[in-house]
PDB file of N, CA and C in Angstrom:
ATOM      1  N   MET A   1      -2.891  18.191  10.759  1.00  0.00           N
ATOM      2  CA  MET A   1      -2.607  17.309   9.647  1.00  0.00           C
ATOM      3  C   MET A   1      -1.909  18.143   8.571  1.00  0.00           C
ATOM      4  N   ASN A   2      -0.781  17.645   8.097  1.00  0.00           N
ATOM      5  CA  ASN A   2      -0.068  18.421   7.077  1.00  0.00           C
ATOM      6  C   ASN A   2      -0.676  18.194   5.691  1.00  0.00           C
ATOM      7  N   SER A   3      -0.254  18.999   4.742  1.00  0.00           N
ATOM      8  CA  SER A   3      -0.882  18.985   3.417  1.00  0.00           C
ATOM      9  C   SER A   3      -0.651  17.678   2.663  1.00  0.00           C
ATOM     10  N   VAL A   4       0.475  17.007   2.871  1.00  0.00           N
ATOM     11  CA  VAL A   4       0.744  15.736   2.189  1.00  0.00           C
ATOM     12  C   VAL A   4      -0.242  14.677   2.668  1.00  0.00           C
ATOM     13  N   ASN A   5      -0.451  14.592   3.965  1.00  0.00           N
ATOM     14  CA  ASN A   5      -1.410  13.623   4.494  1.00  0.00           C
ATOM     15  C   ASN A   5      -2.821  13.912   3.996  1.00  0.00           C
ATOM     16  N   LEU A   6      -3.174  15.179   3.913  1.00  0.00           N
ATOM     17  CA  LEU A   6      -4.494  15.563   3.438  1.00  0.00           C
ATOM     18  C   LEU A   6      -4.695  15.160   1.977  1.00  0.00           C
ATOM     19  N   ILE A   7      -3.676  15.314   1.158  1.00  0.00           N
ATOM     20  CA  ILE A   7      -3.756  14.918  -0.250  1.00  0.00           C
ATOM     21  C   ILE A   7      -3.904  13.407  -0.372  1.00  0.00           C
ATOM     22  N   VAL A   8      -3.138  12.662   0.385  1.00  0.00           N
ATOM     23  CA  VAL A   8      -3.221  11.201   0.356  1.00  0.00           C
ATOM     24  C   VAL A   8      -4.601  10.741   0.814  1.00  0.00           C
ATOM     25  N   LEU A   9      -5.108  11.329   1.881  1.00  0.00           N
ATOM     26  CA  LEU A   9      -6.432  10.981   2.382  1.00  0.00           C
ATOM     27  C   LEU A   9      -7.506  11.305   1.347  1.00  0.00           C
ATOM     28  N   SER A  10      -7.416  12.435   0.708  1.00  0.00           N
ATOM     29  CA  SER A  10      -8.390  12.819  -0.321  1.00  0.00           C
ATOM     30  C   SER A  10      -8.355  11.849  -1.496  1.00  0.00           C
ATOM     31  N   ALA A  11      -7.173  11.467  -1.922  1.00  0.00           N
ATOM     32  CA  ALA A  11      -7.038  10.519  -3.029  1.00  0.00           C
ATOM     33  C   ALA A  11      -7.644   9.174  -2.656  1.00  0.00           C
ATOM     34  N   PHE A  12      -7.452   8.729  -1.425  1.00  0.00           N
ATOM     35  CA  PHE A  12      -8.022   7.465  -0.969  1.00  0.00           C
ATOM     36  C   PHE A  12      -9.542   7.529  -1.001  1.00  0.00           C
ATOM     37  N   ILE A  13     -10.095   8.616  -0.530  1.00  0.00           N
ATOM     38  CA  ILE A  13     -11.549   8.749  -0.496  1.00  0.00           C
ATOM     39  C   ILE A  13     -12.120   8.763  -1.907  1.00  0.00           C
ATOM     40  N   VAL A  14     -11.518   9.501  -2.806  1.00  0.00           N
ATOM     41  CA  VAL A  14     -12.038   9.618  -4.164  1.00  0.00           C
ATOM     42  C   VAL A  14     -11.866   8.326  -4.943  1.00  0.00           C
ATOM     43  N   TYR A  15     -10.684   7.723  -4.888  1.00  0.00           N
ATOM     44  CA  TYR A  15     -10.411   6.560  -5.723  1.00  0.00           C
ATOM     45  C   TYR A  15     -10.626   5.224  -5.032  1.00  0.00           C
ATOM     46  N   GLY A  16     -10.389   5.151  -3.747  1.00  0.00           N
ATOM     47  CA  GLY A  16     -10.456   3.871  -3.071  1.00  0.00           C
ATOM     48  C   GLY A  16     -11.825   3.490  -2.581  1.00  0.00           C
ATOM     49  N   VAL A  17     -12.619   4.435  -2.182  1.00  0.00           N
ATOM     50  CA  VAL A  17     -13.887   4.127  -1.559  1.00  0.00           C
ATOM     51  C   VAL A  17     -15.015   4.052  -2.582  1.00  0.00           C
ATOM     52  N   SER A  18     -15.054   4.973  -3.515  1.00  0.00           N
ATOM     53  CA  SER A  18     -16.223   5.079  -4.368  1.00  0.00           C
ATOM     54  C   SER A  18     -16.146   4.247  -5.650  1.00  0.00           C
ATOM     55  N   ALA A  19     -14.989   3.760  -6.028  1.00  0.00           N
ATOM     56  CA  ALA A  19     -14.880   2.978  -7.259  1.00  0.00           C
ATOM     57  C   ALA A  19     -15.331   1.542  -7.016  1.00  0.00           C
ATOM     58  N   ILE A  20     -16.162   1.032  -7.915  1.00  0.00           N
ATOM     59  CA  ILE A  20     -16.572  -0.360  -7.843  1.00  0.00           C
ATOM     60  C   ILE A  20     -16.092  -1.059  -9.109  1.00  0.00           C
ATOM     61  N   SER A  21     -16.236  -2.359  -9.130  1.00  0.00           N
ATOM     62  CA  SER A  21     -15.920  -3.141 -10.320  1.00  0.00           C
ATOM     63  C   SER A  21     -17.200  -3.741 -10.866  1.00  0.00           C
ATOM     64  N   CYS A  22     -17.295  -3.768 -12.177  1.00  0.00           N
ATOM     65  CA  CYS A  22     -18.432  -4.375 -12.862  1.00  0.00           C
ATOM     66  C   CYS A  22     -17.922  -5.503 -13.753  1.00  0.00           C
ATOM     67  N   PRO A  23     -18.795  -6.445 -14.084  1.00  0.00           N
ATOM     68  CA  PRO A  23     -18.384  -7.519 -14.984  1.00  0.00           C
ATOM     69  C   PRO A  23     -18.065  -7.001 -16.385  1.00  0.00           C
ATOM     70  N   ARG A  24     -17.283  -7.782 -17.090  1.00  0.00           N
ATOM     71  CA  ARG A  24     -16.997  -7.536 -18.504  1.00  0.00           C
ATOM     72  C   ARG A  24     -17.125  -8.886 -19.213  1.00  0.00           C
ATOM     73  N   CYS A  25     -17.862  -8.910 -20.304  1.00  0.00           N
ATOM     74  CA  CYS A  25     -18.063 -10.142 -21.065  1.00  0.00           C
ATOM     75  C   CYS A  25     -17.015 -10.217 -22.174  1.00  0.00           C
ATOM     76  N   THR A  26     -16.298 -11.329 -22.257  1.00  0.00           N
ATOM     77  CA  THR A  26     -15.301 -11.486 -23.311  1.00  0.00           C
ATOM     78  C   THR A  26     -15.955 -11.808 -24.650  1.00  0.00           C
ATOM     79  N   ASN A  27     -17.138 -12.408 -24.613  1.00  0.00           N
ATOM     80  CA  ASN A  27     -17.941 -12.647 -25.815  1.00  0.00           C
ATOM     81  C   ASN A  27     -19.330 -12.095 -25.522  1.00  0.00           C
ATOM     82  N   GLU A  28     -19.655 -10.972 -26.117  1.00  0.00           N
ATOM     83  CA  GLU A  28     -20.910 -10.296 -25.784  1.00  0.00           C
ATOM     84  C   GLU A  28     -22.152 -11.090 -26.171  1.00  0.00           C
ATOM     85  N   ASN A  29     -21.991 -12.196 -26.908  1.00  0.00           N
ATOM     86  CA  ASN A  29     -23.119 -13.049 -27.275  1.00  0.00           C
ATOM     87  C   ASN A  29     -23.230 -14.292 -26.400  1.00  0.00           C
ATOM     88  N   ASP A  30     -22.401 -14.395 -25.369  1.00  0.00           N
ATOM     89  CA  ASP A  30     -22.418 -15.570 -24.488  1.00  0.00           C
ATOM     90  C   ASP A  30     -22.386 -15.109 -23.037  1.00  0.00           C
ATOM     91  N   TRP A  31     -23.506 -15.248 -22.344  1.00  0.00           N
ATOM     92  CA  TRP A  31     -23.613 -14.755 -20.967  1.00  0.00           C
ATOM     93  C   TRP A  31     -22.648 -15.454 -20.018  1.00  0.00           C
ATOM     94  N   GLN A  32     -22.197 -16.646 -20.366  1.00  0.00           N
ATOM     95  CA  GLN A  32     -21.287 -17.374 -19.486  1.00  0.00           C
ATOM     96  C   GLN A  32     -19.855 -16.850 -19.558  1.00  0.00           C
ATOM     97  N   THR A  33     -19.564 -15.926 -20.473  1.00  0.00           N
ATOM     98  CA  THR A  33     -18.213 -15.366 -20.578  1.00  0.00           C
ATOM     99  C   THR A  33     -18.064 -14.042 -19.828  1.00  0.00           C
ATOM    100  N   CYS A  34     -19.055 -13.669 -19.050  1.00  0.00           N
ATOM    101  CA  CYS A  34     -18.998 -12.393 -18.316  1.00  0.00           C
ATOM    102  C   CYS A  34     -18.237 -12.582 -17.008  1.00  0.00           C
ATOM    103  N   THR A  35     -17.007 -13.039 -17.117  1.00  0.00           N
ATOM    104  CA  THR A  35     -16.188 -13.341 -15.941  1.00  0.00           C
ATOM    105  C   THR A  35     -15.058 -12.340 -15.748  1.00  0.00           C
ATOM    106  N   GLY A  36     -14.852 -11.463 -16.717  1.00  0.00           N
ATOM    107  CA  GLY A  36     -13.852 -10.411 -16.575  1.00  0.00           C
ATOM    108  C   GLY A  36     -14.397  -9.282 -15.718  1.00  0.00           C
ATOM    109  N   THR A  37     -13.533  -8.314 -15.409  1.00  0.00           N
ATOM    110  CA  THR A  37     -13.975  -7.167 -14.617  1.00  0.00           C
ATOM    111  C   THR A  37     -13.496  -5.870 -15.259  1.00  0.00           C
ATOM    112  N   GLN A  38     -14.193  -4.806 -14.944  1.00  0.00           N
ATOM    113  CA  GLN A  38     -13.790  -3.457 -15.326  1.00  0.00           C
ATOM    114  C   GLN A  38     -13.945  -2.574 -14.098  1.00  0.00           C
ATOM    115  N   THR A  39     -12.961  -1.734 -13.862  1.00  0.00           N
ATOM    116  CA  THR A  39     -13.009  -0.820 -12.724  1.00  0.00           C
ATOM    117  C   THR A  39     -13.739   0.440 -13.152  1.00  0.00           C
ATOM    118  N   CYS A  40     -14.701   0.829 -12.350  1.00  0.00           N
ATOM    119  CA  CYS A  40     -15.529   1.990 -12.676  1.00  0.00           C
ATOM    120  C   CYS A  40     -14.889   3.268 -12.162  1.00  0.00           C
ATOM    121  N   GLY A  41     -15.361   4.376 -12.664  1.00  0.00           N
ATOM    122  CA  GLY A  41     -14.873   5.679 -12.243  1.00  0.00           C
ATOM    123  C   GLY A  41     -15.382   6.063 -10.866  1.00  0.00           C
ATOM    124  N   ALA A  42     -14.856   7.146 -10.351  1.00  0.00           N
ATOM    125  CA  ALA A  42     -15.155   7.575  -8.989  1.00  0.00           C
ATOM    126  C   ALA A  42     -16.629   7.887  -8.770  1.00  0.00           C
ATOM    127  N   GLY A  43     -17.340   8.385  -9.750  1.00  0.00           N
ATOM    128  CA  GLY A  43     -18.743   8.734  -9.566  1.00  0.00           C
ATOM    129  C   GLY A  43     -19.705   7.586  -9.782  1.00  0.00           C
ATOM    130  N   ASP A  44     -19.208   6.454 -10.248  1.00  0.00           N
ATOM    131  CA  ASP A  44     -20.068   5.311 -10.551  1.00  0.00           C
ATOM    132  C   ASP A  44     -20.183   4.390  -9.347  1.00  0.00           C
ATOM    133  N   ASP A  45     -21.401   3.925  -9.076  1.00  0.00           N
ATOM    134  CA  ASP A  45     -21.617   3.032  -7.943  1.00  0.00           C
ATOM    135  C   ASP A  45     -22.535   1.863  -8.292  1.00  0.00           C
ATOM    136  N   THR A  46     -22.821   1.687  -9.571  1.00  0.00           N
ATOM    137  CA  THR A  46     -23.743   0.642 -10.003  1.00  0.00           C
ATOM    138  C   THR A  46     -23.315   0.113 -11.369  1.00  0.00           C
ATOM    139  N   CYS A  47     -23.606  -1.160 -11.594  1.00  0.00           N
ATOM    140  CA  CYS A  47     -23.378  -1.775 -12.898  1.00  0.00           C
ATOM    141  C   CYS A  47     -24.721  -1.872 -13.618  1.00  0.00           C
ATOM    142  N   GLN A  48     -24.720  -1.549 -14.878  1.00  0.00           N
ATOM    143  CA  GLN A  48     -25.938  -1.625 -15.686  1.00  0.00           C
ATOM    144  C   GLN A  48     -25.719  -2.663 -16.770  1.00  0.00           C
ATOM    145  N   LEU A  49     -26.560  -3.679 -16.785  1.00  0.00           N
ATOM    146  CA  LEU A  49     -26.503  -4.723 -17.797  1.00  0.00           C
ATOM    147  C   LEU A  49     -27.543  -4.425 -18.869  1.00  0.00           C
ATOM    148  N   GLU A  50     -27.086  -4.317 -20.098  1.00  0.00           N
ATOM    149  CA  GLU A  50     -27.990  -4.154 -21.232  1.00  0.00           C
ATOM    150  C   GLU A  50     -28.004  -5.456 -22.017  1.00  0.00           C
ATOM    151  N   ILE A  51     -29.199  -5.958 -22.283  1.00  0.00           N
ATOM    152  CA  ILE A  51     -29.361  -7.174 -23.071  1.00  0.00           C
ATOM    153  C   ILE A  51     -30.222  -6.833 -24.275  1.00  0.00           C
ATOM    154  N   ASP A  52     -29.684  -7.079 -25.451  1.00  0.00           N
ATOM    155  CA  ASP A  52     -30.431  -6.870 -26.690  1.00  0.00           C
ATOM    156  C   ASP A  52     -30.686  -8.217 -27.343  1.00  0.00           C
ATOM    157  N   ASN A  53     -31.911  -8.429 -27.780  1.00  0.00           N
ATOM    158  CA  ASN A  53     -32.280  -9.626 -28.522  1.00  0.00           C
ATOM    159  C   ASN A  53     -32.446  -9.196 -29.968  1.00  0.00           C
ATOM    160  N   ASN A  54     -31.633  -9.751 -30.849  1.00  0.00           N
ATOM    161  CA  ASN A  54     -31.679  -9.320 -32.256  1.00  0.00           C
ATOM    162  C   ASN A  54     -32.682 -10.110 -33.086  1.00  0.00           C
ATOM    163  N   ASN A  55     -33.580 -10.842 -32.406  1.00  0.00           N
ATOM    164  CA  ASN A  55     -34.634 -11.626 -33.059  1.00  0.00           C
ATOM    165  C   ASN A  55     -34.105 -12.785 -33.890  1.00  0.00           C
ATOM    166  N   ASN A  56     -32.842 -13.089 -33.767  1.00  0.00           N
ATOM    167  CA  ASN A  56     -32.265 -14.261 -34.420  1.00  0.00           C
ATOM    168  C   ASN A  56     -31.765 -15.237 -33.371  1.00  0.00           C
ATOM    169  N   ASP A  57     -32.416 -15.232 -32.212  1.00  0.00           N
ATOM    170  CA  ASP A  57     -32.041 -16.095 -31.092  1.00  0.00           C
ATOM    171  C   ASP A  57     -30.619 -15.842 -30.616  1.00  0.00           C
ATOM    172  N   ARG A  58     -30.168 -14.596 -30.725  1.00  0.00           N
ATOM    173  CA  ARG A  58     -28.852 -14.203 -30.221  1.00  0.00           C
ATOM    174  C   ARG A  58     -29.043 -13.052 -29.256  1.00  0.00           C
ATOM    175  N   TYR A  59     -28.305 -13.089 -28.186  1.00  0.00           N
ATOM    176  CA  TYR A  59     -28.368 -12.024 -27.193  1.00  0.00           C
ATOM    177  C   TYR A  59     -27.034 -11.306 -27.136  1.00  0.00           C
ATOM    178  N   LYS A  60     -27.080 -10.008 -27.019  1.00  0.00           N
ATOM    179  CA  LYS A  60     -25.877  -9.196 -26.880  1.00  0.00           C
ATOM    180  C   LYS A  60     -25.905  -8.601 -25.478  1.00  0.00           C
ATOM    181  N   LEU A  61     -24.854  -8.865 -24.697  1.00  0.00           N
ATOM    182  CA  LEU A  61     -24.768  -8.386 -23.323  1.00  0.00           C
ATOM    183  C   LEU A  61     -23.638  -7.390 -23.188  1.00  0.00           C
ATOM    184  N   ILE A  62     -23.930  -6.261 -22.579  1.00  0.00           N
ATOM    185  CA  ILE A  62     -22.904  -5.252 -22.315  1.00  0.00           C
ATOM    186  C   ILE A  62     -23.137  -4.691 -20.921  1.00  0.00           C
ATOM    187  N   TYR A  63     -22.066  -4.647 -20.123  1.00  0.00           N
ATOM    188  CA  TYR A  63     -22.115  -4.006 -18.810  1.00  0.00           C
ATOM    189  C   TYR A  63     -21.521  -2.610 -18.902  1.00  0.00           C
ATOM    190  N   HIS A  64     -22.194  -1.654 -18.269  1.00  0.00           N
ATOM    191  CA  HIS A  64     -21.717  -0.276 -18.170  1.00  0.00           C
ATOM    192  C   HIS A  64     -21.622   0.102 -16.703  1.00  0.00           C
ATOM    193  N   CYS A  65     -20.678   0.944 -16.371  1.00  0.00           N
ATOM    194  CA  CYS A  65     -20.609   1.552 -15.045  1.00  0.00           C
ATOM    195  C   CYS A  65     -21.481   2.803 -15.075  1.00  0.00           C
ATOM    196  N   THR A  66     -22.243   3.019 -14.018  1.00  0.00           N
ATOM    197  CA  THR A  66     -23.125   4.182 -13.989  1.00  0.00           C
ATOM    198  C   THR A  66     -23.426   4.578 -12.551  1.00  0.00           C
ATOM    199  N   HIS A  67     -24.178   5.621 -12.398  1.00  0.00           N
ATOM    200  CA  HIS A  67     -24.628   6.074 -11.084  1.00  0.00           C
ATOM    201  C   HIS A  67     -25.953   5.377 -10.781  1.00  0.00           C
ATOM    202  N   SER A  68     -26.135   4.946  -9.549  1.00  0.00           N
ATOM    203  CA  SER A  68     -27.310   4.147  -9.195  1.00  0.00           C
ATOM    204  C   SER A  68     -28.627   4.834  -9.529  1.00  0.00           C
ATOM    205  N   GLN A  69     -28.718   6.117  -9.288  1.00  0.00           N
ATOM    206  CA  GLN A  69     -29.978   6.809  -9.569  1.00  0.00           C
ATOM    207  C   GLN A  69     -30.310   6.765 -11.059  1.00  0.00           C
ATOM    208  N   ASN A  70     -29.303   6.937 -11.908  1.00  0.00           N
ATOM    209  CA  ASN A  70     -29.532   6.851 -13.350  1.00  0.00           C
ATOM    210  C   ASN A  70     -30.013   5.467 -13.746  1.00  0.00           C
ATOM    211  N   CYS A  71     -29.406   4.454 -13.174  1.00  0.00           N
ATOM    212  CA  CYS A  71     -29.753   3.087 -13.549  1.00  0.00           C
ATOM    213  C   CYS A  71     -31.150   2.724 -13.055  1.00  0.00           C
ATOM    214  N   HIS A  72     -31.397   2.906 -11.771  1.00  0.00           N
ATOM    215  CA  HIS A  72     -32.669   2.469 -11.188  1.00  0.00           C
ATOM    216  C   HIS A  72     -33.848   3.334 -11.610  1.00  0.00           C
ATOM    217  N   ASP A  73     -33.666   4.631 -11.649  1.00  0.00           N
ATOM    218  CA  ASP A  73     -34.790   5.531 -11.919  1.00  0.00           C
ATOM    219  C   ASP A  73     -35.077   5.735 -13.397  1.00  0.00           C
ATOM    220  N   GLU A  74     -34.043   5.688 -14.226  1.00  0.00           N
ATOM    221  CA  GLU A  74     -34.237   6.072 -15.619  1.00  0.00           C
ATOM    222  C   GLU A  74     -34.096   4.936 -16.624  1.00  0.00           C
ATOM    223  N   HIS A  75     -33.320   3.910 -16.285  1.00  0.00           N
ATOM    224  CA  HIS A  75     -32.997   2.923 -17.312  1.00  0.00           C
ATOM    225  C   HIS A  75     -33.489   1.507 -17.022  1.00  0.00           C
ATOM    226  N   GLU A  76     -33.574   1.126 -15.766  1.00  0.00           N
ATOM    227  CA  GLU A  76     -33.880  -0.271 -15.453  1.00  0.00           C
ATOM    228  C   GLU A  76     -35.266  -0.655 -15.958  1.00  0.00           C
ATOM    229  N   THR A  77     -35.329  -1.812 -16.601  1.00  0.00           N
ATOM    230  CA  THR A  77     -36.578  -2.322 -17.136  1.00  0.00           C
ATOM    231  C   THR A  77     -37.208  -3.237 -16.096  1.00  0.00           C
ATOM    232  N   GLN A  78     -38.427  -2.969 -15.737  1.00  0.00           N
ATOM    233  CA  GLN A  78     -39.122  -3.793 -14.752  1.00  0.00           C
ATOM    234  C   GLN A  78     -39.844  -4.946 -15.456  1.00  0.00           C
ATOM    235  N   HIS A  79     -39.682  -6.144 -14.918  1.00  0.00           N
ATOM    236  CA  HIS A  79     -40.378  -7.332 -15.425  1.00  0.00           C
ATOM    237  C   HIS A  79     -40.121  -7.535 -16.918  1.00  0.00           C
ATOM    238  N   CYS A  80     -38.890  -7.422 -17.319  1.00  0.00           N
ATOM    239  CA  CYS A  80     -38.525  -7.545 -18.728  1.00  0.00           C
ATOM    240  C   CYS A  80     -38.238  -9.007 -19.056  1.00  0.00           C
ATOM    241  N   ASP A  81     -38.833  -9.503 -20.097  1.00  0.00           N
ATOM    242  CA  ASP A  81     -38.617 -10.864 -20.570  1.00  0.00           C
ATOM    243  C   ASP A  81     -37.697 -10.786 -21.787  1.00  0.00           C
ATOM    244  N   ILE A  82     -36.501 -11.345 -21.669  1.00  0.00           N
ATOM    245  CA  ILE A  82     -35.532 -11.226 -22.762  1.00  0.00           C
ATOM    246  C   ILE A  82     -35.968 -11.969 -24.020  1.00  0.00           C
ATOM    247  N   ASN A  83     -36.956 -12.855 -23.898  1.00  0.00           N
ATOM    248  CA  ASN A  83     -37.459 -13.557 -25.079  1.00  0.00           C
ATOM    249  C   ASN A  83     -38.510 -12.742 -25.833  1.00  0.00           C
ATOM    250  N   LEU A  84     -39.200 -11.863 -25.129  1.00  0.00           N
ATOM    251  CA  LEU A  84     -40.286 -11.096 -25.743  1.00  0.00           C
ATOM    252  C   LEU A  84     -39.900  -9.662 -26.058  1.00  0.00           C
ATOM    253  N   ASN A  85     -39.108  -9.069 -25.188  1.00  0.00           N
ATOM    254  CA  ASN A  85     -38.728  -7.672 -25.356  1.00  0.00           C
ATOM    255  C   ASN A  85     -37.410  -7.595 -26.116  1.00  0.00           C
ATOM    256  N   GLY A  86     -37.275  -6.623 -26.969  1.00  0.00           N
ATOM    257  CA  GLY A  86     -36.053  -6.495 -27.751  1.00  0.00           C
ATOM    258  C   GLY A  86     -34.880  -5.947 -26.974  1.00  0.00           C
ATOM    259  N   HIS A  87     -35.162  -5.238 -25.879  1.00  0.00           N
ATOM    260  CA  HIS A  87     -34.091  -4.573 -25.133  1.00  0.00           C
ATOM    261  C   HIS A  87     -34.467  -4.545 -23.653  1.00  0.00           C
ATOM    262  N   CYS A  88     -33.613  -5.107 -22.810  1.00  0.00           N
ATOM    263  CA  CYS A  88     -33.836  -5.090 -21.362  1.00  0.00           C
ATOM    264  C   CYS A  88     -32.602  -4.514 -20.681  1.00  0.00           C
ATOM    265  N   GLN A  89     -32.811  -3.807 -19.568  1.00  0.00           N
ATOM    266  CA  GLN A  89     -31.710  -3.258 -18.784  1.00  0.00           C
ATOM    267  C   GLN A  89     -31.922  -3.599 -17.318  1.00  0.00           C
ATOM    268  N   PHE A  90     -30.840  -3.999 -16.673  1.00  0.00           N
ATOM    269  CA  PHE A  90     -30.883  -4.398 -15.273  1.00  0.00           C
ATOM    270  C   PHE A  90     -29.763  -3.698 -14.516  1.00  0.00           C
ATOM    271  N   CYS A  91     -29.941  -3.521 -13.213  1.00  0.00           N
ATOM    272  CA  CYS A  91     -28.946  -2.862 -12.360  1.00  0.00           C
ATOM    273  C   CYS A  91     -28.470  -3.837 -11.283  1.00  0.00           C
ATOM    274  N   CYS A  92     -27.185  -3.776 -10.956  1.00  0.00           N
ATOM    275  CA  CYS A  92     -26.610  -4.561  -9.866  1.00  0.00           C
ATOM    276  C   CYS A  92     -25.434  -3.767  -9.301  1.00  0.00           C
ATOM    277  N   ASP A  93     -24.998  -4.113  -8.093  1.00  0.00           N
ATOM    278  CA  ASP A  93     -24.004  -3.247  -7.444  1.00  0.00           C
ATOM    279  C   ASP A  93     -22.714  -3.935  -7.026  1.00  0.00           C
ATOM    280  N   SER A  94     -22.493  -5.160  -7.484  1.00  0.00           N
ATOM    281  CA  SER A  94     -21.229  -5.849  -7.195  1.00  0.00           C
ATOM    282  C   SER A  94     -21.050  -6.980  -8.205  1.00  0.00           C
ATOM    283  N   ILE A  95     -19.837  -7.490  -8.290  1.00  0.00           N
ATOM    284  CA  ILE A  95     -19.572  -8.625  -9.179  1.00  0.00           C
ATOM    285  C   ILE A  95     -20.471  -9.797  -8.794  1.00  0.00           C
ATOM    286  N   ALA A  96     -20.590 -10.066  -7.491  1.00  0.00           N
ATOM    287  CA  ALA A  96     -21.392 -11.197  -7.014  1.00  0.00           C
ATOM    288  C   ALA A  96     -22.877 -11.009  -7.321  1.00  0.00           C
ATOM    289  N   SER A  97     -23.411  -9.817  -7.059  1.00  0.00           N
ATOM    290  CA  SER A  97     -24.844  -9.605  -7.308  1.00  0.00           C
ATOM    291  C   SER A  97     -25.146  -9.614  -8.808  1.00  0.00           C
ATOM    292  N   CYS A  98     -24.214  -9.135  -9.619  1.00  0.00           N
ATOM    293  CA  CYS A  98     -24.401  -9.175 -11.071  1.00  0.00           C
ATOM    294  C   CYS A  98     -24.403 -10.619 -11.569  1.00  0.00           C
ATOM    295  N   LYS A  99     -23.535 -11.438 -11.013  1.00  0.00           N
ATOM    296  CA  LYS A  99     -23.468 -12.853 -11.402  1.00  0.00           C
ATOM    297  C   LYS A  99     -24.768 -13.562 -11.046  1.00  0.00           C
ATOM    298  N   THR A 100     -25.254 -13.339  -9.828  1.00  0.00           N
ATOM    299  CA  THR A 100     -26.506 -13.954  -9.389  1.00  0.00           C
ATOM    300  C   THR A 100     -27.657 -13.509 -10.285  1.00  0.00           C
ATOM    301  N   GLN A 101     -27.703 -12.232 -10.582  1.00  0.00           N
ATOM    302  CA  GLN A 101     -28.753 -11.691 -11.445  1.00  0.00           C
ATOM    303  C   GLN A 101     -28.685 -12.309 -12.840  1.00  0.00           C
ATOM    304  N   ARG A 102     -27.490 -12.349 -13.414  1.00  0.00           N
ATOM    305  CA  ARG A 102     -27.288 -12.890 -14.765  1.00  0.00           C
ATOM    306  C   ARG A 102     -27.681 -14.363 -14.825  1.00  0.00           C
ATOM    307  N   GLU A 103     -27.281 -15.133 -13.815  1.00  0.00           N
ATOM    308  CA  GLU A 103     -27.641 -16.548 -13.774  1.00  0.00           C
ATOM    309  C   GLU A 103     -29.150 -16.716 -13.672  1.00  0.00           C
ATOM    310  N   GLY A 104     -29.799 -15.871 -12.890  1.00  0.00           N
ATOM    311  CA  GLY A 104     -31.253 -15.942 -12.775  1.00  0.00           C
ATOM    312  C   GLY A 104     -31.954 -15.652 -14.090  1.00  0.00           C
ATOM    313  N   ILE A 105     -31.428 -14.716 -14.843  1.00  0.00           N
ATOM    314  CA  ILE A 105     -32.023 -14.363 -16.138  1.00  0.00           C
ATOM    315  C   ILE A 105     -31.832 -15.493 -17.141  1.00  0.00           C
ATOM    316  N   PHE A 106     -30.610 -16.002 -17.249  1.00  0.00           N
ATOM    317  CA  PHE A 106     -30.312 -16.956 -18.314  1.00  0.00           C
ATOM    318  C   PHE A 106     -30.524 -18.409 -17.924  1.00  0.00           C
ATOM    319  N   ASP A 107     -30.483 -18.761 -16.650  1.00  0.00           N
ATOM    320  CA  ASP A 107     -30.817 -20.132 -16.266  1.00  0.00           C
ATOM    321  C   ASP A 107     -32.272 -20.420 -16.597  1.00  0.00           C
ATOM    322  N   THR A 108     -33.152 -19.471 -16.332  1.00  0.00           N
ATOM    323  CA  THR A 108     -34.562 -19.615 -16.684  1.00  0.00           C
ATOM    324  C   THR A 108     -34.714 -19.711 -18.190  1.00  0.00           C
ATOM    325  N   CYS A 109     -33.980 -18.916 -18.881  1.00  0.00           N
ATOM    326  CA  CYS A 109     -34.023 -18.899 -20.338  1.00  0.00           C
ATOM    327  C   CYS A 109     -33.626 -20.264 -20.898  1.00  0.00           C
ATOM    328  N   GLU A 110     -32.567 -20.857 -20.360  1.00  0.00           N
ATOM    329  CA  GLU A 110     -32.102 -22.140 -20.872  1.00  0.00           C
ATOM    330  C   GLU A 110     -33.103 -23.253 -20.592  1.00  0.00           C
ATOM    331  N   LEU A 111     -33.832 -23.155 -19.480  1.00  0.00           N
ATOM    332  CA  LEU A 111     -34.855 -24.155 -19.195  1.00  0.00           C
ATOM    333  C   LEU A 111     -35.970 -24.102 -20.236  1.00  0.00           C
ATOM    334  N   GLU A 112     -36.164 -22.941 -20.827  1.00  0.00           N
ATOM    335  CA  GLU A 112     -37.190 -22.774 -21.851  1.00  0.00           C
ATOM    336  C   GLU A 112     -36.597 -22.916 -23.254  1.00  0.00           C
ATOM    337  N   PHE A 113     -35.383 -23.427 -23.345  1.00  0.00           N
ATOM    338  CA  PHE A 113     -34.716 -23.722 -24.611  1.00  0.00           C
ATOM    339  C   PHE A 113     -34.408 -22.498 -25.467  1.00  0.00           C
ATOM    340  N   CYS A 114     -34.132 -21.392 -24.842  1.00  0.00           N
ATOM    341  CA  CYS A 114     -33.667 -20.257 -25.626  1.00  0.00           C
ATOM    342  C   CYS A 114     -32.150 -20.197 -25.524  1.00  0.00           C
ATOM    343  N   PRO A 115     -31.473 -19.598 -26.496  1.00  0.00           N
ATOM    344  CA  PRO A 115     -30.001 -19.617 -26.524  1.00  0.00           C
ATOM    345  C   PRO A 115     -29.373 -18.780 -25.439  1.00  0.00           C
TER     346      PRO A 115
END
């Protein structure tokens, strides 16, 4: 294999295989606007959703790209209720799984009449 092919193959492995996309919210106070995407860096393999409740019935949602071990082991909040806890963090690994997770969090919330 010549050096040009090796460089192309290396670039594909670094940029094409390991990069994922995470959601991006156009209005960080409206969970239904998280339909945009952001491409993560080569070392990132997980999306981290941070939800802050400012105690005024407003939620702030921000997605970050991160490494799965950091998200699951150090940051993810287990059994977090966005109505009771001021800050919750969740991990997901694709646009589809993040959407399902987000809908599960906020569909329940809307049934209980929270914003």
